[in-house]
Structures are given as C-alpha cells and as structure tokens.
C-alpha cells in the first residue's frame, strides 16, 4: 500500500507544441525505424524506457549528438551508442536502432525542446567559479535538471517549490533513492536562467567539465 506524505513531490509536464510530447510505440522487430511525434520541432532531449522489459532509461541529448546516450538511473558519463541509429530527430520523427525496436515490446518516449521564454535544453562548460547559465527567461527557472556528461555525475534536480534562492537549495537525485539534500548552495537564482555556484562539486561545475541541462521557467 502507499500512504501519501507531506514531504513527497511530483513534477507534472503538459504536452504542448514546441515544448514537450510523449510517444508510446510497440516494436516490430524490423530493425532501425523512425516513429512520428507531435512536438512540432526537433526534440533536444528524449528519455526513453521499455514498458515491457527490464531495461535502462535511455537518454538522448542534442548537445551530445546522435551517436551518444546517457542512462537516467546511473551516474555514468555519456557513452557511444547506436540506440538512435546515428540519426538526429527531426520536427516530425525520431529514429531508434534495432536494439530498442524488438518485436512486440512496448516503449514510452518523453520528448523535450527549447521554447522561448518557457523551456531550455542546453549545455554549459564548467569554470569552477560562479557560472551564469542564460536560458532566455525573464523571471528565472522554476525547474532545473543537470547532468555531467564527460565524467561521472548524478542527475541533480531543483525546483522553486522547495526553493531556489541565494542560500541553500534542496536537491534530489533522479538516479538515487536517497532523501533530498538541504544544506548546500550549489545553484542561485538568475532572472535569465540560473547560476551554478563556485561551491558546486565537480558533478556540476568542474573547470572544463561538460554538462547538459533542462530548465523550465
């Protein structure tokens, strides 16, 4: 049984043109294949999971290209992959390799893109100093997801409900079952996006480190 508690959180995403879409498909075993979506623009971030198999949460991120993948449940760096058949998604379709198109198996794919003033999928290079990440917003980010891609690092999540302030900012890790951490100041508010602070660890702001992020205004 499940008993709701006051300290549990959920993030809800609404399907909208240019911002977010969800596609469910059933594999047919035909090898690499393209599937249609309704995002209206090329997705820049895709999170794909088999519904019928025990398998990873595979992540496509445009800054890494069509021959790379991340796994949402691990801390691992980006790895080379043919999961996307070495093909970038378009405004109407995404393509998967034969490994995620087996006959009769079912999948779900969450697609995100940059929509001016609403969402930003992007990347940044760490400096070790306070780093402003410009997302083109006017009132800051209310949701922030960050992952290091050139080395190991957790999937960090912040949101404005729990607090994005000049002080400590509670975060959760999507790849971990651990409780949230509340006594760190790794990000700060910024009207155009967010700031990664100089106190952030290498998983967020190592000098010359590579990172991807999803921010929502």
C-alpha atoms as a PDB file:
ATOM      1  CA  UNK A   1       0.000   0.000   0.000  1.00  0.00           C
ATOM      2  CA  UNK A   2       1.021   3.638  -0.457  1.00  0.00           C
ATOM      3  CA  UNK A   3       0.459   6.354   2.119  1.00  0.00           C
ATOM      4  CA  UNK A   4       0.892   9.936   0.831  1.00  0.00           C
ATOM      5  CA  UNK A   5       3.066  12.169   2.984  1.00  0.00           C
ATOM      6  CA  UNK A   6       3.630  15.903   3.125  1.00  0.00           C
ATOM      7  CA  UNK A   7       7.268  15.598   2.084  1.00  0.00           C
ATOM      8  CA  UNK A   8       6.653  13.866  -1.254  1.00  0.00           C
ATOM      9  CA  UNK A   9       6.913  15.726  -4.557  1.00  0.00           C
ATOM     10  CA  UNK A  10       5.794  15.230  -8.124  1.00  0.00           C
ATOM     11  CA  UNK A  11       6.688  17.092 -11.307  1.00  0.00           C
ATOM     12  CA  UNK A  12       3.970  17.228 -13.960  1.00  0.00           C
ATOM     13  CA  UNK A  13       4.660  18.030 -17.601  1.00  0.00           C
ATOM     14  CA  UNK A  14       1.980  19.074 -20.072  1.00  0.00           C
ATOM     15  CA  UNK A  15       2.220  18.118 -23.718  1.00  0.00           C
ATOM     16  CA  UNK A  16       2.495  21.280 -25.787  1.00  0.00           C
ATOM     17  CA  UNK A  17       3.782  22.120 -29.248  1.00  0.00           C
ATOM     18  CA  UNK A  18       7.404  23.208 -29.165  1.00  0.00           C
ATOM     19  CA  UNK A  19       7.873  22.208 -25.535  1.00  0.00           C
ATOM     20  CA  UNK A  20       7.035  18.598 -24.664  1.00  0.00           C
ATOM     21  CA  UNK A  21       5.483  15.486 -26.189  1.00  0.00           C
ATOM     22  CA  UNK A  22       5.019  11.831 -25.217  1.00  0.00           C
ATOM     23  CA  UNK A  23       5.102   8.927 -27.666  1.00  0.00           C
ATOM     24  CA  UNK A  24       4.257   5.298 -26.945  1.00  0.00           C
ATOM     25  CA  UNK A  25       5.242   2.703 -29.519  1.00  0.00           C
ATOM     26  CA  UNK A  26       5.398  -1.043 -29.987  1.00  0.00           C
ATOM     27  CA  UNK A  27       8.463  -2.577 -31.573  1.00  0.00           C
ATOM     28  CA  UNK A  28       8.059  -4.644 -34.727  1.00  0.00           C
ATOM     29  CA  UNK A  29      11.486  -6.263 -34.977  1.00  0.00           C
ATOM     30  CA  UNK A  30      12.154  -4.667 -38.362  1.00  0.00           C
ATOM     31  CA  UNK A  31      15.497  -3.163 -37.323  1.00  0.00           C
ATOM     32  CA  UNK A  32      16.148   0.564 -37.099  1.00  0.00           C
ATOM     33  CA  UNK A  33      12.923   2.512 -37.503  1.00  0.00           C
ATOM     34  CA  UNK A  34      11.509   6.042 -37.385  1.00  0.00           C
ATOM     35  CA  UNK A  35       8.470   6.974 -35.303  1.00  0.00           C
ATOM     36  CA  UNK A  36       6.331  10.099 -35.569  1.00  0.00           C
ATOM     37  CA  UNK A  37       5.856  12.680 -32.835  1.00  0.00           C
ATOM     38  CA  UNK A  38       3.815  15.879 -32.435  1.00  0.00           C
ATOM     39  CA  UNK A  39       6.383  18.180 -30.843  1.00  0.00           C
ATOM     40  CA  UNK A  40       6.485  20.384 -33.932  1.00  0.00           C
ATOM     41  CA  UNK A  41      10.229  20.958 -33.588  1.00  0.00           C
ATOM     42  CA  UNK A  42      13.197  18.627 -33.327  1.00  0.00           C
ATOM     43  CA  UNK A  43      13.415  17.245 -29.784  1.00  0.00           C
ATOM     44  CA  UNK A  44      16.617  18.185 -27.961  1.00  0.00           C
ATOM     45  CA  UNK A  45      16.154  15.811 -25.024  1.00  0.00           C
ATOM     46  CA  UNK A  46      14.492  12.379 -25.126  1.00  0.00           C
ATOM     47  CA  UNK A  47      14.010   9.978 -22.210  1.00  0.00           C
ATOM     48  CA  UNK A  48      13.019   6.516 -23.446  1.00  0.00           C
ATOM     49  CA  UNK A  49      12.068   3.453 -21.396  1.00  0.00           C
ATOM     50  CA  UNK A  50      10.813  -0.010 -22.228  1.00  0.00           C
ATOM     51  CA  UNK A  51       7.465  -0.742 -20.591  1.00  0.00           C
ATOM     52  CA  UNK A  52       7.633  -4.479 -21.132  1.00  0.00           C
ATOM     53  CA  UNK A  53      11.305  -5.230 -20.491  1.00  0.00           C
ATOM     54  CA  UNK A  54      13.652  -4.703 -17.563  1.00  0.00           C
ATOM     55  CA  UNK A  55      15.968  -2.150 -19.125  1.00  0.00           C
ATOM     56  CA  UNK A  56      17.572   1.254 -18.656  1.00  0.00           C
ATOM     57  CA  UNK A  57      16.112   4.722 -19.002  1.00  0.00           C
ATOM     58  CA  UNK A  58      17.961   5.777 -22.155  1.00  0.00           C
ATOM     59  CA  UNK A  59      18.565   9.487 -22.698  1.00  0.00           C
ATOM     60  CA  UNK A  60      19.275  11.356 -25.924  1.00  0.00           C
ATOM     61  CA  UNK A  61      20.660  14.887 -25.566  1.00  0.00           C
ATOM     62  CA  UNK A  62      21.189  17.044 -28.638  1.00  0.00           C
ATOM     63  CA  UNK A  63      24.449  18.606 -27.356  1.00  0.00           C
ATOM     64  CA  UNK A  64      25.965  15.082 -27.372  1.00  0.00           C
ATOM     65  CA  UNK A  65      24.849  14.200 -30.892  1.00  0.00           C
ATOM     66  CA  UNK A  66      23.076  11.198 -32.380  1.00  0.00           C
ATOM     67  CA  UNK A  67      25.790   8.658 -31.562  1.00  0.00           C
ATOM     68  CA  UNK A  68      25.732   9.028 -27.784  1.00  0.00           C
ATOM     69  CA  UNK A  69      23.455   8.132 -24.909  1.00  0.00           C
ATOM     70  CA  UNK A  70      23.130   8.600 -21.178  1.00  0.00           C
ATOM     71  CA  UNK A  71      21.271   6.443 -18.658  1.00  0.00           C
ATOM     72  CA  UNK A  72      18.939   8.170 -16.245  1.00  0.00           C
ATOM     73  CA  UNK A  73      19.392   5.604 -13.475  1.00  0.00           C
ATOM     74  CA  UNK A  74      23.204   5.789 -13.397  1.00  0.00           C
ATOM     75  CA  UNK A  75      25.955   8.328 -12.765  1.00  0.00           C
ATOM     76  CA  UNK A  76      27.894   7.237 -15.851  1.00  0.00           C
ATOM     77  CA  UNK A  77      29.341   9.589 -18.429  1.00  0.00           C
ATOM     78  CA  UNK A  78      27.989   9.761 -21.958  1.00  0.00           C
ATOM     79  CA  UNK A  79      28.742   6.633 -23.966  1.00  0.00           C
ATOM     80  CA  UNK A  80      28.805   5.921 -27.685  1.00  0.00           C
ATOM     81  CA  UNK A  81      25.672   4.171 -28.889  1.00  0.00           C
ATOM     82  CA  UNK A  82      23.615   3.174 -31.912  1.00  0.00           C
ATOM     83  CA  UNK A  83      20.368   3.467 -29.946  1.00  0.00           C
ATOM     84  CA  UNK A  84      19.342   6.421 -32.139  1.00  0.00           C
ATOM     85  CA  UNK A  85      20.680   4.803 -35.328  1.00  0.00           C
ATOM     86  CA  UNK A  86      23.200   7.687 -35.543  1.00  0.00           C
ATOM     87  CA  UNK A  87      20.331   9.905 -36.703  1.00  0.00           C
ATOM     88  CA  UNK A  88      19.228  13.181 -35.152  1.00  0.00           C
ATOM     89  CA  UNK A  89      15.488  13.538 -34.580  1.00  0.00           C
ATOM     90  CA  UNK A  90      13.533  15.909 -36.784  1.00  0.00           C
ATOM     91  CA  UNK A  91      10.492  18.127 -36.271  1.00  0.00           C
ATOM     92  CA  UNK A  92       8.248  15.177 -37.124  1.00  0.00           C
ATOM     93  CA  UNK A  93      10.133  11.960 -36.280  1.00  0.00           C
ATOM     94  CA  UNK A  94      12.692  10.322 -34.025  1.00  0.00           C
ATOM     95  CA  UNK A  95      14.646   7.236 -35.017  1.00  0.00           C
ATOM     96  CA  UNK A  96      15.683   4.249 -32.910  1.00  0.00           C
ATOM     97  CA  UNK A  97      18.116   1.429 -33.597  1.00  0.00           C
ATOM     98  CA  UNK A  98      17.165  -2.212 -33.716  1.00  0.00           C
ATOM     99  CA  UNK A  99      18.091  -2.645 -30.037  1.00  0.00           C
ATOM    100  CA  UNK A 100      15.043  -0.648 -28.946  1.00  0.00           C
ATOM    101  CA  UNK A 101      12.689  -1.935 -31.617  1.00  0.00           C
ATOM    102  CA  UNK A 102      12.301  -5.647 -30.794  1.00  0.00           C
ATOM    103  CA  UNK A 103       9.111  -7.322 -31.916  1.00  0.00           C
ATOM    104  CA  UNK A 104       6.020  -6.778 -29.684  1.00  0.00           C
ATOM    105  CA  UNK A 105       7.920  -4.937 -26.915  1.00  0.00           C
ATOM    106  CA  UNK A 106       6.405  -1.650 -25.769  1.00  0.00           C
ATOM    107  CA  UNK A 107       8.163   1.669 -25.113  1.00  0.00           C
ATOM    108  CA  UNK A 108       7.459   5.179 -23.865  1.00  0.00           C
ATOM    109  CA  UNK A 109       9.453   8.213 -25.003  1.00  0.00           C
ATOM    110  CA  UNK A 110       9.335  11.670 -23.382  1.00  0.00           C
ATOM    111  CA  UNK A 111      10.484  14.450 -25.716  1.00  0.00           C
ATOM    112  CA  UNK A 112      11.556  17.964 -24.689  1.00  0.00           C
ATOM    113  CA  UNK A 113      12.658  21.017 -26.654  1.00  0.00           C
ATOM    114  CA  UNK A 114      13.577  24.655 -26.167  1.00  0.00           C
ATOM    115  CA  UNK A 115      10.590  27.011 -26.289  1.00  0.00           C
ATOM    116  CA  UNK A 116      11.492  30.673 -25.962  1.00  0.00           C
ATOM    117  CA  UNK A 117      10.659  32.001 -22.510  1.00  0.00           C
ATOM    118  CA  UNK A 118       9.278  28.643 -21.352  1.00  0.00           C
ATOM    119  CA  UNK A 119      11.922  25.895 -21.503  1.00  0.00           C
ATOM    120  CA  UNK A 120      15.569  25.474 -22.374  1.00  0.00           C
ATOM    121  CA  UNK A 121      17.528  22.345 -23.237  1.00  0.00           C
ATOM    122  CA  UNK A 122      21.201  23.204 -23.365  1.00  0.00           C
ATOM    123  CA  UNK A 123      24.738  22.623 -22.253  1.00  0.00           C
ATOM    124  CA  UNK A 124      27.495  24.512 -20.490  1.00  0.00           C
ATOM    125  CA  UNK A 125      31.176  24.149 -19.706  1.00  0.00           C
ATOM    126  CA  UNK A 126      32.136  24.351 -16.051  1.00  0.00           C
ATOM    127  CA  UNK A 127      34.516  27.000 -14.746  1.00  0.00           C
ATOM    128  CA  UNK A 128      34.811  26.238 -11.026  1.00  0.00           C
ATOM    129  CA  UNK A 129      33.632  29.802 -10.424  1.00  0.00           C
ATOM    130  CA  UNK A 130      30.122  31.235 -10.268  1.00  0.00           C
ATOM    131  CA  UNK A 131      28.667  30.468 -13.704  1.00  0.00           C
ATOM    132  CA  UNK A 132      25.564  32.176 -15.120  1.00  0.00           C
ATOM    133  CA  UNK A 133      23.525  29.963 -17.444  1.00  0.00           C
ATOM    134  CA  UNK A 134      21.362  32.123 -19.718  1.00  0.00           C
ATOM    135  CA  UNK A 135      18.151  30.323 -20.713  1.00  0.00           C
ATOM    136  CA  UNK A 136      16.439  33.356 -22.219  1.00  0.00           C
ATOM    137  CA  UNK A 137      13.972  33.600 -19.325  1.00  0.00           C
ATOM    138  CA  UNK A 138      12.776  36.786 -17.644  1.00  0.00           C
ATOM    139  CA  UNK A 139      11.891  35.564 -14.146  1.00  0.00           C
ATOM    140  CA  UNK A 140      14.327  32.711 -13.532  1.00  0.00           C
ATOM    141  CA  UNK A 141      13.969  28.934 -13.703  1.00  0.00           C
ATOM    142  CA  UNK A 142      11.408  27.035 -11.631  1.00  0.00           C
ATOM    143  CA  UNK A 143      12.740  23.566 -12.523  1.00  0.00           C
ATOM    144  CA  UNK A 144      16.380  22.646 -13.204  1.00  0.00           C
ATOM    145  CA  UNK A 145      17.849  19.265 -14.174  1.00  0.00           C
ATOM    146  CA  UNK A 146      21.645  18.974 -14.637  1.00  0.00           C
ATOM    147  CA  UNK A 147      23.907  16.044 -15.581  1.00  0.00           C
ATOM    148  CA  UNK A 148      27.646  15.931 -16.188  1.00  0.00           C
ATOM    149  CA  UNK A 149      28.393  14.182 -19.484  1.00  0.00           C
ATOM    150  CA  UNK A 150      32.182  13.895 -19.822  1.00  0.00           C
ATOM    151  CA  UNK A 151      32.614  12.118 -16.478  1.00  0.00           C
ATOM    152  CA  UNK A 152      30.509  10.501 -13.786  1.00  0.00           C
ATOM    153  CA  UNK A 153      27.933  12.612 -12.027  1.00  0.00           C
ATOM    154  CA  UNK A 154      24.443  12.424 -10.581  1.00  0.00           C
ATOM    155  CA  UNK A 155      21.223  13.720 -12.149  1.00  0.00           C
ATOM    156  CA  UNK A 156      20.505  16.776  -9.957  1.00  0.00           C
ATOM    157  CA  UNK A 157      17.028  18.302  -9.725  1.00  0.00           C
ATOM    158  CA  UNK A 158      15.943  21.577  -8.138  1.00  0.00           C
ATOM    159  CA  UNK A 159      12.577  23.318  -8.190  1.00  0.00           C
ATOM    160  CA  UNK A 160      11.207  26.602  -6.923  1.00  0.00           C
ATOM    161  CA  UNK A 161       8.550  24.919  -4.751  1.00  0.00           C
ATOM    162  CA  UNK A 162      11.246  23.540  -2.471  1.00  0.00           C
ATOM    163  CA  UNK A 163      13.355  26.629  -3.027  1.00  0.00           C
ATOM    164  CA  UNK A 164      15.790  28.180  -5.494  1.00  0.00           C
ATOM    165  CA  UNK A 165      17.306  31.056  -3.551  1.00  0.00           C
ATOM    166  CA  UNK A 166      20.577  32.832  -2.813  1.00  0.00           C
ATOM    167  CA  UNK A 167      21.006  30.474   0.132  1.00  0.00           C
ATOM    168  CA  UNK A 168      20.787  26.707   0.443  1.00  0.00           C
ATOM    169  CA  UNK A 169      18.708  24.961  -2.224  1.00  0.00           C
ATOM    170  CA  UNK A 170      17.264  21.464  -1.636  1.00  0.00           C
ATOM    171  CA  UNK A 171      18.008  18.983  -4.414  1.00  0.00           C
ATOM    172  CA  UNK A 172      17.117  15.408  -5.299  1.00  0.00           C
ATOM    173  CA  UNK A 173      18.993  12.920  -7.453  1.00  0.00           C
ATOM    174  CA  UNK A 174      16.973  11.111 -10.116  1.00  0.00           C
ATOM    175  CA  UNK A 175      19.447   8.218 -10.100  1.00  0.00           C
ATOM    176  CA  UNK A 176      19.202   7.696  -6.332  1.00  0.00           C
ATOM    177  CA  UNK A 177      16.626   6.709  -3.728  1.00  0.00           C
ATOM    178  CA  UNK A 178      18.317   8.925  -1.120  1.00  0.00           C
ATOM    179  CA  UNK A 179      16.435  11.684   0.684  1.00  0.00           C
ATOM    180  CA  UNK A 180      16.876  15.234  -0.566  1.00  0.00           C
ATOM    181  CA  UNK A 181      19.920  17.225   0.479  1.00  0.00           C
ATOM    182  CA  UNK A 182      19.018  20.568   2.050  1.00  0.00           C
ATOM    183  CA  UNK A 183      22.258  22.088   3.357  1.00  0.00           C
ATOM    184  CA  UNK A 184      24.084  23.058   0.146  1.00  0.00           C
ATOM    185  CA  UNK A 185      24.168  26.145  -2.053  1.00  0.00           C
ATOM    186  CA  UNK A 186      25.036  24.751  -5.488  1.00  0.00           C
ATOM    187  CA  UNK A 187      22.758  26.994  -7.554  1.00  0.00           C
ATOM    188  CA  UNK A 188      21.463  30.552  -7.233  1.00  0.00           C
ATOM    189  CA  UNK A 189      18.576  32.375  -8.907  1.00  0.00           C
ATOM    190  CA  UNK A 190      19.210  34.355 -12.100  1.00  0.00           C
ATOM    191  CA  UNK A 191      16.499  36.242 -13.980  1.00  0.00           C
ATOM    192  CA  UNK A 192      17.599  34.844 -17.349  1.00  0.00           C
ATOM    193  CA  UNK A 193      18.069  31.283 -16.057  1.00  0.00           C
ATOM    194  CA  UNK A 194      20.171  30.089 -13.138  1.00  0.00           C
ATOM    195  CA  UNK A 195      23.649  30.367 -11.631  1.00  0.00           C
ATOM    196  CA  UNK A 196      25.851  27.389 -10.788  1.00  0.00           C
ATOM    197  CA  UNK A 197      27.909  28.470  -7.798  1.00  0.00           C
ATOM    198  CA  UNK A 198      31.605  28.139  -7.099  1.00  0.00           C
ATOM    199  CA  UNK A 199      30.774  25.833  -4.185  1.00  0.00           C
ATOM    200  CA  UNK A 200      29.171  23.263  -6.505  1.00  0.00           C
ATOM    201  CA  UNK A 201      31.039  19.938  -6.810  1.00  0.00           C
ATOM    202  CA  UNK A 202      32.729  18.576  -9.922  1.00  0.00           C
ATOM    203  CA  UNK A 203      29.468  16.872 -10.874  1.00  0.00           C
ATOM    204  CA  UNK A 204      28.067  20.352 -11.511  1.00  0.00           C
ATOM    205  CA  UNK A 205      30.893  22.813 -12.097  1.00  0.00           C
ATOM    206  CA  UNK A 206      34.345  21.367 -12.697  1.00  0.00           C
ATOM    207  CA  UNK A 207      36.698  23.546 -14.697  1.00  0.00           C
ATOM    208  CA  UNK A 208      36.305  22.479 -18.365  1.00  0.00           C
ATOM    209  CA  UNK A 209      33.683  19.862 -17.411  1.00  0.00           C
ATOM    210  CA  UNK A 210      30.781  19.286 -19.819  1.00  0.00           C
ATOM    211  CA  UNK A 211      27.144  19.396 -18.695  1.00  0.00           C
ATOM    212  CA  UNK A 212      23.635  19.196 -20.100  1.00  0.00           C
ATOM    213  CA  UNK A 213      20.540  20.696 -18.528  1.00  0.00           C
ATOM    214  CA  UNK A 214      16.787  21.095 -18.809  1.00  0.00           C
ATOM    215  CA  UNK A 215      15.360  24.281 -17.326  1.00  0.00           C
ATOM    216  CA  UNK A 216      11.722  25.344 -17.193  1.00  0.00           C
ATOM    217  CA  UNK A 217      10.575  28.876 -16.406  1.00  0.00           C
END
